All heavy atoms as atom14 arrays in JSON, in Angstrom:
{
  "sequence": "ILVVIALIGYLGIETSGISAVIASLGVCVGLAVNGTVSNLAGGVMLL",
  "atom14_mask": [
    [1, 1, 1, 1, 1, 1, 1, 1, 0, 0, 0, 0, 0, 0],
    [1, 1, 1, 1, 1, 1, 1, 1, 0, 0, 0, 0, 0, 0],
    [1, 1, 1, 1, 1, 1, 1, 0, 0, 0, 0, 0, 0, 0],
    [1, 1, 1, 1, 1, 1, 1, 0, 0, 0, 0, 0, 0, 0],
    [1, 1, 1, 1, 1, 1, 1, 1, 0, 0, 0, 0, 0, 0],
    [1, 1, 1, 1, 1, 0, 0, 0, 0, 0, 0, 0, 0, 0],
    [1, 1, 1, 1, 1, 1, 1, 1, 0, 0, 0, 0, 0, 0],
    [1, 1, 1, 1, 1, 1, 1, 1, 0, 0, 0, 0, 0, 0],
    [1, 1, 1, 1, 0, 0, 0, 0, 0, 0, 0, 0, 0, 0],
    [1, 1, 1, 1, 1, 1, 1, 1, 1, 1, 1, 1, 0, 0],
    [1, 1, 1, 1, 1, 1, 1, 1, 0, 0, 0, 0, 0, 0],
    [1, 1, 1, 1, 0, 0, 0, 0, 0, 0, 0, 0, 0, 0],
    [1, 1, 1, 1, 1, 1, 1, 1, 0, 0, 0, 0, 0, 0],
    [1, 1, 1, 1, 1, 1, 1, 1, 1, 0, 0, 0, 0, 0],
    [1, 1, 1, 1, 1, 1, 1, 0, 0, 0, 0, 0, 0, 0],
    [1, 1, 1, 1, 1, 1, 0, 0, 0, 0, 0, 0, 0, 0],
    [1, 1, 1, 1, 0, 0, 0, 0, 0, 0, 0, 0, 0, 0],
    [1, 1, 1, 1, 1, 1, 1, 1, 0, 0, 0, 0, 0, 0],
    [1, 1, 1, 1, 1, 1, 0, 0, 0, 0, 0, 0, 0, 0],
    [1, 1, 1, 1, 1, 0, 0, 0, 0, 0, 0, 0, 0, 0],
    [1, 1, 1, 1, 1, 1, 1, 0, 0, 0, 0, 0, 0, 0],
    [1, 1, 1, 1, 1, 1, 1, 1, 0, 0, 0, 0, 0, 0],
    [1, 1, 1, 1, 1, 0, 0, 0, 0, 0, 0, 0, 0, 0],
    [1, 1, 1, 1, 1, 1, 0, 0, 0, 0, 0, 0, 0, 0],
    [1, 1, 1, 1, 1, 1, 1, 1, 0, 0, 0, 0, 0, 0],
    [1, 1, 1, 1, 0, 0, 0, 0, 0, 0, 0, 0, 0, 0],
    [1, 1, 1, 1, 1, 1, 1, 0, 0, 0, 0, 0, 0, 0],
    [1, 1, 1, 1, 1, 1, 0, 0, 0, 0, 0, 0, 0, 0],
    [1, 1, 1, 1, 1, 1, 1, 0, 0, 0, 0, 0, 0, 0],
    [1, 1, 1, 1, 0, 0, 0, 0, 0, 0, 0, 0, 0, 0],
    [1, 1, 1, 1, 1, 1, 1, 1, 0, 0, 0, 0, 0, 0],
    [1, 1, 1, 1, 1, 0, 0, 0, 0, 0, 0, 0, 0, 0],
    [1, 1, 1, 1, 1, 1, 1, 0, 0, 0, 0, 0, 0, 0],
    [1, 1, 1, 1, 1, 1, 1, 1, 0, 0, 0, 0, 0, 0],
    [1, 1, 1, 1, 0, 0, 0, 0, 0, 0, 0, 0, 0, 0],
    [1, 1, 1, 1, 1, 1, 1, 0, 0, 0, 0, 0, 0, 0],
    [1, 1, 1, 1, 1, 1, 1, 0, 0, 0, 0, 0, 0, 0],
    [1, 1, 1, 1, 1, 1, 0, 0, 0, 0, 0, 0, 0, 0],
    [1, 1, 1, 1, 1, 1, 1, 1, 0, 0, 0, 0, 0, 0],
    [1, 1, 1, 1, 1, 1, 1, 1, 0, 0, 0, 0, 0, 0],
    [1, 1, 1, 1, 1, 0, 0, 0, 0, 0, 0, 0, 0, 0],
    [1, 1, 1, 1, 0, 0, 0, 0, 0, 0, 0, 0, 0, 0],
    [1, 1, 1, 1, 0, 0, 0, 0, 0, 0, 0, 0, 0, 0],
    [1, 1, 1, 1, 1, 1, 1, 0, 0, 0, 0, 0, 0, 0],
    [1, 1, 1, 1, 1, 1, 1, 1, 0, 0, 0, 0, 0, 0],
    [1, 1, 1, 1, 1, 1, 1, 1, 0, 0, 0, 0, 0, 0],
    [1, 1, 1, 1, 1, 1, 1, 1, 0, 0, 0, 0, 0, 0]
  ],
  "atom14_positions": [
    [[34.97, -41.69, 34.08], [36.38, -41.24, 33.98], [36.57, -39.9, 34.7], [37.55, -39.69, 35.38], [36.76, -41.11, 32.48], [36.85, -42.52, 31.86], [38.15, -40.41, 32.35], [37.08, -42.49, 30.36], [0.0, 0.0, 0.0], [0.0, 0.0, 0.0], [0.0, 0.0, 0.0], [0.0, 0.0, 0.0], [0.0, 0.0, 0.0], [0.0, 0.0, 0.0]],
    [[35.62, -38.99, 34.52], [35.71, -37.71, 35.2], [35.68, -37.84, 36.73], [36.37, -37.13, 37.43], [34.54, -36.77, 34.74], [34.65, -36.25, 33.31], [33.38, -35.47, 32.95], [35.84, -35.35, 33.15], [0.0, 0.0, 0.0], [0.0, 0.0, 0.0], [0.0, 0.0, 0.0], [0.0, 0.0, 0.0], [0.0, 0.0, 0.0], [0.0, 0.0, 0.0]],
    [[34.85, -38.78, 37.21], [34.8, -39.03, 38.65], [36.14, -39.54, 39.15], [36.64, -39.1, 40.2], [33.7, -40.08, 38.98], [33.78, -40.52, 40.43], [32.3, -39.48, 38.68], [0.0, 0.0, 0.0], [0.0, 0.0, 0.0], [0.0, 0.0, 0.0], [0.0, 0.0, 0.0], [0.0, 0.0, 0.0], [0.0, 0.0, 0.0], [0.0, 0.0, 0.0]],
    [[36.75, -40.45, 38.44], [38.05, -41.03, 38.85], [39.09, -39.92, 38.9], [39.88, -39.8, 39.84], [38.49, -42.13, 37.88], [39.9, -42.57, 38.17], [37.51, -43.35, 38.01], [0.0, 0.0, 0.0], [0.0, 0.0, 0.0], [0.0, 0.0, 0.0], [0.0, 0.0, 0.0], [0.0, 0.0, 0.0], [0.0, 0.0, 0.0], [0.0, 0.0, 0.0]],
    [[39.11, -39.05, 37.84], [40.09, -37.95, 37.79], [39.9, -37.02, 38.95], [40.85, -36.53, 39.6], [39.98, -37.21, 36.46], [40.42, -38.13, 35.31], [40.8, -35.93, 36.45], [40.2, -37.53, 33.93], [0.0, 0.0, 0.0], [0.0, 0.0, 0.0], [0.0, 0.0, 0.0], [0.0, 0.0, 0.0], [0.0, 0.0, 0.0], [0.0, 0.0, 0.0]],
    [[38.63, -36.68, 39.26], [38.36, -35.77, 40.34], [38.8, -36.35, 41.68], [39.3, -35.62, 42.54], [36.83, -35.47, 40.39], [0.0, 0.0, 0.0], [0.0, 0.0, 0.0], [0.0, 0.0, 0.0], [0.0, 0.0, 0.0], [0.0, 0.0, 0.0], [0.0, 0.0, 0.0], [0.0, 0.0, 0.0], [0.0, 0.0, 0.0], [0.0, 0.0, 0.0]],
    [[38.59, -37.66, 41.89], [38.98, -38.28, 43.14], [40.48, -38.36, 43.28], [41.05, -38.26, 44.37], [38.39, -39.67, 43.23], [36.83, -39.73, 43.45], [36.34, -41.12, 43.41], [36.47, -38.99, 44.74], [0.0, 0.0, 0.0], [0.0, 0.0, 0.0], [0.0, 0.0, 0.0], [0.0, 0.0, 0.0], [0.0, 0.0, 0.0], [0.0, 0.0, 0.0]],
    [[41.18, -38.55, 42.17], [42.65, -38.5, 42.25], [43.14, -37.17, 42.71], [44.06, -37.03, 43.53], [43.24, -38.82, 40.84], [42.99, -40.29, 40.49], [44.73, -38.51, 40.79], [43.44, -40.66, 39.07], [0.0, 0.0, 0.0], [0.0, 0.0, 0.0], [0.0, 0.0, 0.0], [0.0, 0.0, 0.0], [0.0, 0.0, 0.0], [0.0, 0.0, 0.0]],
    [[42.5, -36.07, 42.19], [42.86, -34.74, 42.7], [42.52, -34.52, 44.16], [43.27, -33.9, 44.89], [0.0, 0.0, 0.0], [0.0, 0.0, 0.0], [0.0, 0.0, 0.0], [0.0, 0.0, 0.0], [0.0, 0.0, 0.0], [0.0, 0.0, 0.0], [0.0, 0.0, 0.0], [0.0, 0.0, 0.0], [0.0, 0.0, 0.0], [0.0, 0.0, 0.0]],
    [[41.37, -35.14, 44.6], [40.94, -35.02, 45.96], [41.96, -35.67, 46.94], [42.23, -35.16, 48.0], [39.56, -35.64, 46.15], [39.16, -35.86, 47.56], [38.76, -34.77, 48.39], [39.16, -37.17, 48.12], [38.38, -34.99, 49.7], [38.77, -37.36, 49.42], [38.4, -36.27, 50.19], [38.01, -36.49, 51.53], [0.0, 0.0, 0.0], [0.0, 0.0, 0.0]],
    [[42.53, -36.79, 46.46], [43.47, -37.52, 47.32], [44.87, -36.84, 47.33], [45.75, -37.29, 48.01], [43.61, -38.94, 46.83], [42.37, -39.86, 47.04], [42.58, -41.23, 46.39], [42.07, -40.01, 48.53], [0.0, 0.0, 0.0], [0.0, 0.0, 0.0], [0.0, 0.0, 0.0], [0.0, 0.0, 0.0], [0.0, 0.0, 0.0], [0.0, 0.0, 0.0]],
    [[45.03, -35.82, 46.43], [46.29, -35.14, 46.4], [47.42, -35.88, 45.71], [48.61, -35.6, 45.97], [0.0, 0.0, 0.0], [0.0, 0.0, 0.0], [0.0, 0.0, 0.0], [0.0, 0.0, 0.0], [0.0, 0.0, 0.0], [0.0, 0.0, 0.0], [0.0, 0.0, 0.0], [0.0, 0.0, 0.0], [0.0, 0.0, 0.0], [0.0, 0.0, 0.0]],
    [[47.05, -36.82, 44.81], [48.1, -37.57, 44.12], [48.64, -36.72, 43.01], [47.9, -36.17, 42.2], [47.48, -38.88, 43.55], [46.96, -39.73, 44.72], [48.54, -39.64, 42.71], [46.2, -41.02, 44.26], [0.0, 0.0, 0.0], [0.0, 0.0, 0.0], [0.0, 0.0, 0.0], [0.0, 0.0, 0.0], [0.0, 0.0, 0.0], [0.0, 0.0, 0.0]],
    [[49.98, -36.66, 42.91], [50.62, -35.91, 41.86], [50.47, -36.63, 40.55], [50.74, -37.81, 40.42], [52.14, -35.73, 42.17], [52.41, -34.78, 43.34], [52.03, -33.38, 43.05], [52.05, -32.98, 41.85], [51.73, -32.63, 43.98], [0.0, 0.0, 0.0], [0.0, 0.0, 0.0], [0.0, 0.0, 0.0], [0.0, 0.0, 0.0], [0.0, 0.0, 0.0]],
    [[50.03, -35.91, 39.54], [49.84, -36.49, 38.22], [51.08, -36.5, 37.35], [51.11, -37.15, 36.32], [48.72, -35.73, 37.47], [49.13, -34.34, 37.36], [47.41, -35.79, 38.25], [0.0, 0.0, 0.0], [0.0, 0.0, 0.0], [0.0, 0.0, 0.0], [0.0, 0.0, 0.0], [0.0, 0.0, 0.0], [0.0, 0.0, 0.0], [0.0, 0.0, 0.0]],
    [[52.16, -35.83, 37.79], [53.34, -35.82, 36.95], [54.01, -37.18, 36.87], [54.44, -37.59, 35.8], [54.37, -34.81, 37.59], [54.67, -35.17, 38.93], [0.0, 0.0, 0.0], [0.0, 0.0, 0.0], [0.0, 0.0, 0.0], [0.0, 0.0, 0.0], [0.0, 0.0, 0.0], [0.0, 0.0, 0.0], [0.0, 0.0, 0.0], [0.0, 0.0, 0.0]],
    [[54.03, -37.89, 37.98], [54.61, -39.26, 37.94], [53.75, -40.18, 37.11], [54.27, -41.02, 36.34], [0.0, 0.0, 0.0], [0.0, 0.0, 0.0], [0.0, 0.0, 0.0], [0.0, 0.0, 0.0], [0.0, 0.0, 0.0], [0.0, 0.0, 0.0], [0.0, 0.0, 0.0], [0.0, 0.0, 0.0], [0.0, 0.0, 0.0], [0.0, 0.0, 0.0]],
    [[52.41, -40.04, 37.22], [51.51, -40.86, 36.45], [51.69, -40.6, 34.97], [51.71, -41.52, 34.15], [50.05, -40.64, 36.9], [49.86, -41.04, 38.36], [49.09, -41.39, 36.02], [48.5, -40.73, 38.9], [0.0, 0.0, 0.0], [0.0, 0.0, 0.0], [0.0, 0.0, 0.0], [0.0, 0.0, 0.0], [0.0, 0.0, 0.0], [0.0, 0.0, 0.0]],
    [[51.86, -39.32, 34.67], [52.04, -38.93, 33.26], [53.3, -39.56, 32.69], [53.35, -40.01, 31.54], [52.09, -37.41, 33.1], [50.94, -36.82, 33.55], [0.0, 0.0, 0.0], [0.0, 0.0, 0.0], [0.0, 0.0, 0.0], [0.0, 0.0, 0.0], [0.0, 0.0, 0.0], [0.0, 0.0, 0.0], [0.0, 0.0, 0.0], [0.0, 0.0, 0.0]],
    [[54.38, -39.59, 33.47], [55.63, -40.2, 33.0], [55.48, -41.66, 32.74], [55.98, -42.21, 31.75], [56.73, -39.98, 34.05], [0.0, 0.0, 0.0], [0.0, 0.0, 0.0], [0.0, 0.0, 0.0], [0.0, 0.0, 0.0], [0.0, 0.0, 0.0], [0.0, 0.0, 0.0], [0.0, 0.0, 0.0], [0.0, 0.0, 0.0], [0.0, 0.0, 0.0]],
    [[54.73, -42.36, 33.64], [54.51, -43.8, 33.43], [53.66, -44.04, 32.22], [53.96, -44.94, 31.39], [53.83, -44.38, 34.68], [53.47, -45.89, 34.44], [54.74, -44.27, 35.87], [0.0, 0.0, 0.0], [0.0, 0.0, 0.0], [0.0, 0.0, 0.0], [0.0, 0.0, 0.0], [0.0, 0.0, 0.0], [0.0, 0.0, 0.0], [0.0, 0.0, 0.0]],
    [[52.63, -43.22, 32.03], [51.77, -43.33, 30.87], [52.53, -43.13, 29.58], [52.41, -43.9, 28.6], [50.55, -42.4, 30.96], [49.66, -42.82, 32.12], [49.77, -42.37, 29.67], [48.5, -41.83, 32.36], [0.0, 0.0, 0.0], [0.0, 0.0, 0.0], [0.0, 0.0, 0.0], [0.0, 0.0, 0.0], [0.0, 0.0, 0.0], [0.0, 0.0, 0.0]],
    [[53.42, -42.11, 29.61], [54.21, -41.82, 28.42], [55.13, -42.99, 28.1], [55.34, -43.32, 26.92], [55.01, -40.53, 28.68], [0.0, 0.0, 0.0], [0.0, 0.0, 0.0], [0.0, 0.0, 0.0], [0.0, 0.0, 0.0], [0.0, 0.0, 0.0], [0.0, 0.0, 0.0], [0.0, 0.0, 0.0], [0.0, 0.0, 0.0], [0.0, 0.0, 0.0]],
    [[55.76, -43.57, 29.1], [56.74, -44.66, 28.83], [56.02, -45.93, 28.32], [56.61, -46.73, 27.63], [57.51, -45.01, 30.16], [56.55, -45.43, 31.14], [0.0, 0.0, 0.0], [0.0, 0.0, 0.0], [0.0, 0.0, 0.0], [0.0, 0.0, 0.0], [0.0, 0.0, 0.0], [0.0, 0.0, 0.0], [0.0, 0.0, 0.0], [0.0, 0.0, 0.0]],
    [[54.72, -46.1, 28.72], [53.99, -47.24, 28.29], [53.09, -46.98, 27.07], [52.35, -47.82, 26.63], [53.09, -47.77, 29.44], [53.83, -48.3, 30.67], [52.79, -48.65, 31.73], [54.71, -49.46, 30.31], [0.0, 0.0, 0.0], [0.0, 0.0, 0.0], [0.0, 0.0, 0.0], [0.0, 0.0, 0.0], [0.0, 0.0, 0.0], [0.0, 0.0, 0.0]],
    [[53.25, -45.75, 26.52], [52.37, -45.34, 25.44], [52.45, -46.25, 24.26], [51.42, -46.61, 23.64], [0.0, 0.0, 0.0], [0.0, 0.0, 0.0], [0.0, 0.0, 0.0], [0.0, 0.0, 0.0], [0.0, 0.0, 0.0], [0.0, 0.0, 0.0], [0.0, 0.0, 0.0], [0.0, 0.0, 0.0], [0.0, 0.0, 0.0], [0.0, 0.0, 0.0]],
    [[53.68, -46.6, 23.86], [53.85, -47.42, 22.65], [53.2, -48.82, 22.85], [52.51, -49.34, 22.0], [55.32, -47.6, 22.3], [55.51, -48.54, 21.13], [55.95, -46.21, 21.98], [0.0, 0.0, 0.0], [0.0, 0.0, 0.0], [0.0, 0.0, 0.0], [0.0, 0.0, 0.0], [0.0, 0.0, 0.0], [0.0, 0.0, 0.0], [0.0, 0.0, 0.0]],
    [[53.44, -49.38, 24.03], [52.91, -50.73, 24.3], [51.39, -50.71, 24.32], [50.73, -51.59, 23.74], [53.45, -51.25, 25.62], [55.23, -51.49, 25.65], [0.0, 0.0, 0.0], [0.0, 0.0, 0.0], [0.0, 0.0, 0.0], [0.0, 0.0, 0.0], [0.0, 0.0, 0.0], [0.0, 0.0, 0.0], [0.0, 0.0, 0.0], [0.0, 0.0, 0.0]],
    [[50.9, -49.71, 25.0], [49.4, -49.61, 25.07], [48.83, -49.35, 23.69], [47.77, -49.92, 23.32], [49.02, -48.45, 26.03], [47.5, -48.22, 25.96], [49.44, -48.78, 27.44], [0.0, 0.0, 0.0], [0.0, 0.0, 0.0], [0.0, 0.0, 0.0], [0.0, 0.0, 0.0], [0.0, 0.0, 0.0], [0.0, 0.0, 0.0], [0.0, 0.0, 0.0]],
    [[49.51, -48.5, 22.9], [49.01, -48.22, 21.52], [48.94, -49.49, 20.71], [47.97, -49.7, 19.99], [0.0, 0.0, 0.0], [0.0, 0.0, 0.0], [0.0, 0.0, 0.0], [0.0, 0.0, 0.0], [0.0, 0.0, 0.0], [0.0, 0.0, 0.0], [0.0, 0.0, 0.0], [0.0, 0.0, 0.0], [0.0, 0.0, 0.0], [0.0, 0.0, 0.0]],
    [[49.97, -50.37, 20.82], [49.93, -51.6, 20.06], [48.85, -52.54, 20.56], [48.19, -53.22, 19.78], [51.32, -52.3, 20.14], [52.48, -51.57, 19.46], [53.77, -52.27, 19.77], [52.24, -51.51, 17.96], [0.0, 0.0, 0.0], [0.0, 0.0, 0.0], [0.0, 0.0, 0.0], [0.0, 0.0, 0.0], [0.0, 0.0, 0.0], [0.0, 0.0, 0.0]],
    [[48.68, -52.51, 21.87], [47.68, -53.48, 22.45], [46.24, -53.05, 22.11], [45.42, -53.9, 21.9], [47.88, -53.47, 24.0], [0.0, 0.0, 0.0], [0.0, 0.0, 0.0], [0.0, 0.0, 0.0], [0.0, 0.0, 0.0], [0.0, 0.0, 0.0], [0.0, 0.0, 0.0], [0.0, 0.0, 0.0], [0.0, 0.0, 0.0], [0.0, 0.0, 0.0]],
    [[46.01, -51.79, 22.01], [44.63, -51.34, 21.78], [44.41, -50.96, 20.32], [43.39, -50.27, 19.98], [44.24, -50.15, 22.7], [44.34, -50.55, 24.16], [45.11, -48.9, 22.39], [0.0, 0.0, 0.0], [0.0, 0.0, 0.0], [0.0, 0.0, 0.0], [0.0, 0.0, 0.0], [0.0, 0.0, 0.0], [0.0, 0.0, 0.0], [0.0, 0.0, 0.0]],
    [[45.34, -51.32, 19.47], [45.21, -50.9, 18.07], [43.87, -51.37, 17.44], [43.2, -50.65, 16.75], [46.38, -51.53, 17.25], [46.31, -51.13, 15.79], [46.16, -49.97, 15.47], [46.39, -52.1, 14.91], [0.0, 0.0, 0.0], [0.0, 0.0, 0.0], [0.0, 0.0, 0.0], [0.0, 0.0, 0.0], [0.0, 0.0, 0.0], [0.0, 0.0, 0.0]],
    [[43.55, -52.66, 17.76], [42.28, -53.17, 17.22], [41.06, -52.46, 17.84], [40.06, -52.19, 17.14], [0.0, 0.0, 0.0], [0.0, 0.0, 0.0], [0.0, 0.0, 0.0], [0.0, 0.0, 0.0], [0.0, 0.0, 0.0], [0.0, 0.0, 0.0], [0.0, 0.0, 0.0], [0.0, 0.0, 0.0], [0.0, 0.0, 0.0], [0.0, 0.0, 0.0]],
    [[41.14, -52.12, 19.14], [40.06, -51.43, 19.81], [39.86, -50.04, 19.24], [38.74, -49.57, 19.05], [40.35, -51.3, 21.32], [40.55, -52.61, 21.87], [39.24, -50.62, 22.05], [0.0, 0.0, 0.0], [0.0, 0.0, 0.0], [0.0, 0.0, 0.0], [0.0, 0.0, 0.0], [0.0, 0.0, 0.0], [0.0, 0.0, 0.0], [0.0, 0.0, 0.0]],
    [[40.97, -49.32, 18.96], [40.85, -47.98, 18.35], [40.19, -48.11, 16.95], [39.35, -47.28, 16.61], [42.23, -47.36, 18.24], [42.18, -46.07, 17.45], [42.82, -47.07, 19.59], [0.0, 0.0, 0.0], [0.0, 0.0, 0.0], [0.0, 0.0, 0.0], [0.0, 0.0, 0.0], [0.0, 0.0, 0.0], [0.0, 0.0, 0.0], [0.0, 0.0, 0.0]],
    [[40.58, -49.15, 16.2], [39.92, -49.31, 14.91], [38.47, -49.6, 15.04], [37.66, -49.05, 14.25], [40.61, -50.52, 14.18], [41.96, -50.27, 13.92], [0.0, 0.0, 0.0], [0.0, 0.0, 0.0], [0.0, 0.0, 0.0], [0.0, 0.0, 0.0], [0.0, 0.0, 0.0], [0.0, 0.0, 0.0], [0.0, 0.0, 0.0], [0.0, 0.0, 0.0]],
    [[38.07, -50.4, 16.03], [36.64, -50.65, 16.27], [35.94, -49.42, 16.72], [34.76, -49.15, 16.32], [36.5, -51.75, 17.29], [36.92, -53.08, 16.8], [36.83, -53.37, 15.6], [37.35, -53.96, 17.68], [0.0, 0.0, 0.0], [0.0, 0.0, 0.0], [0.0, 0.0, 0.0], [0.0, 0.0, 0.0], [0.0, 0.0, 0.0], [0.0, 0.0, 0.0]],
    [[36.61, -48.59, 17.51], [36.0, -47.32, 17.97], [35.76, -46.38, 16.81], [34.68, -45.78, 16.66], [36.91, -46.67, 19.0], [36.44, -45.28, 19.59], [35.09, -45.46, 20.26], [37.48, -44.77, 20.54], [0.0, 0.0, 0.0], [0.0, 0.0, 0.0], [0.0, 0.0, 0.0], [0.0, 0.0, 0.0], [0.0, 0.0, 0.0], [0.0, 0.0, 0.0]],
    [[36.75, -46.28, 15.93], [36.61, -45.45, 14.72], [35.51, -45.99, 13.85], [34.73, -45.25, 13.25], [37.93, -45.38, 13.96], [0.0, 0.0, 0.0], [0.0, 0.0, 0.0], [0.0, 0.0, 0.0], [0.0, 0.0, 0.0], [0.0, 0.0, 0.0], [0.0, 0.0, 0.0], [0.0, 0.0, 0.0], [0.0, 0.0, 0.0], [0.0, 0.0, 0.0]],
    [[35.46, -47.3, 13.74], [34.41, -47.93, 12.97], [33.02, -47.62, 13.5], [32.09, -47.4, 12.75], [0.0, 0.0, 0.0], [0.0, 0.0, 0.0], [0.0, 0.0, 0.0], [0.0, 0.0, 0.0], [0.0, 0.0, 0.0], [0.0, 0.0, 0.0], [0.0, 0.0, 0.0], [0.0, 0.0, 0.0], [0.0, 0.0, 0.0], [0.0, 0.0, 0.0]],
    [[32.9, -47.65, 14.83], [31.62, -47.35, 15.47], [31.18, -45.93, 15.17], [29.98, -45.68, 14.93], [0.0, 0.0, 0.0], [0.0, 0.0, 0.0], [0.0, 0.0, 0.0], [0.0, 0.0, 0.0], [0.0, 0.0, 0.0], [0.0, 0.0, 0.0], [0.0, 0.0, 0.0], [0.0, 0.0, 0.0], [0.0, 0.0, 0.0], [0.0, 0.0, 0.0]],
    [[32.13, -44.96, 15.18], [31.77, -43.58, 14.86], [31.32, -43.47, 13.42], [30.33, -42.79, 13.05], [33.04, -42.65, 15.06], [32.79, -41.28, 14.56], [33.4, -42.66, 16.54], [0.0, 0.0, 0.0], [0.0, 0.0, 0.0], [0.0, 0.0, 0.0], [0.0, 0.0, 0.0], [0.0, 0.0, 0.0], [0.0, 0.0, 0.0], [0.0, 0.0, 0.0]],
    [[32.04, -44.18, 12.47], [31.65, -44.17, 11.09], [30.25, -44.76, 10.9], [29.46, -44.25, 10.02], [32.63, -44.93, 10.22], [34.0, -44.26, 10.11], [33.83, -42.6, 9.36], [33.13, -43.0, 7.8], [0.0, 0.0, 0.0], [0.0, 0.0, 0.0], [0.0, 0.0, 0.0], [0.0, 0.0, 0.0], [0.0, 0.0, 0.0], [0.0, 0.0, 0.0]],
    [[29.91, -45.83, 11.6], [28.57, -46.47, 11.46], [27.49, -45.48, 11.91], [26.42, -45.42, 11.32], [28.54, -47.75, 12.29], [29.36, -48.93, 11.81], [29.25, -50.09, 12.78], [28.91, -49.34, 10.42], [0.0, 0.0, 0.0], [0.0, 0.0, 0.0], [0.0, 0.0, 0.0], [0.0, 0.0, 0.0], [0.0, 0.0, 0.0], [0.0, 0.0, 0.0]],
    [[27.76, -44.68, 12.98], [26.79, -43.73, 13.47], [26.62, -42.55, 12.47], [25.57, -41.94, 12.41], [27.15, -43.22, 14.84], [27.14, -44.23, 15.97], [27.69, -43.6, 17.27], [25.72, -44.72, 16.2], [0.0, 0.0, 0.0], [0.0, 0.0, 0.0], [0.0, 0.0, 0.0], [0.0, 0.0, 0.0], [0.0, 0.0, 0.0], [0.0, 0.0, 0.0]]
  ]
}
């Protein structure tokens, strides 16, 4: 993930537009990954 973020900065892509898109899709993404987040939290608890 860090490599991808660094390369986005290298290409000079503005992150403000990306942030707006992410914010607008936040609710949808949150609902879609609800089960994944639960599994992630469960994995932390198991460890």
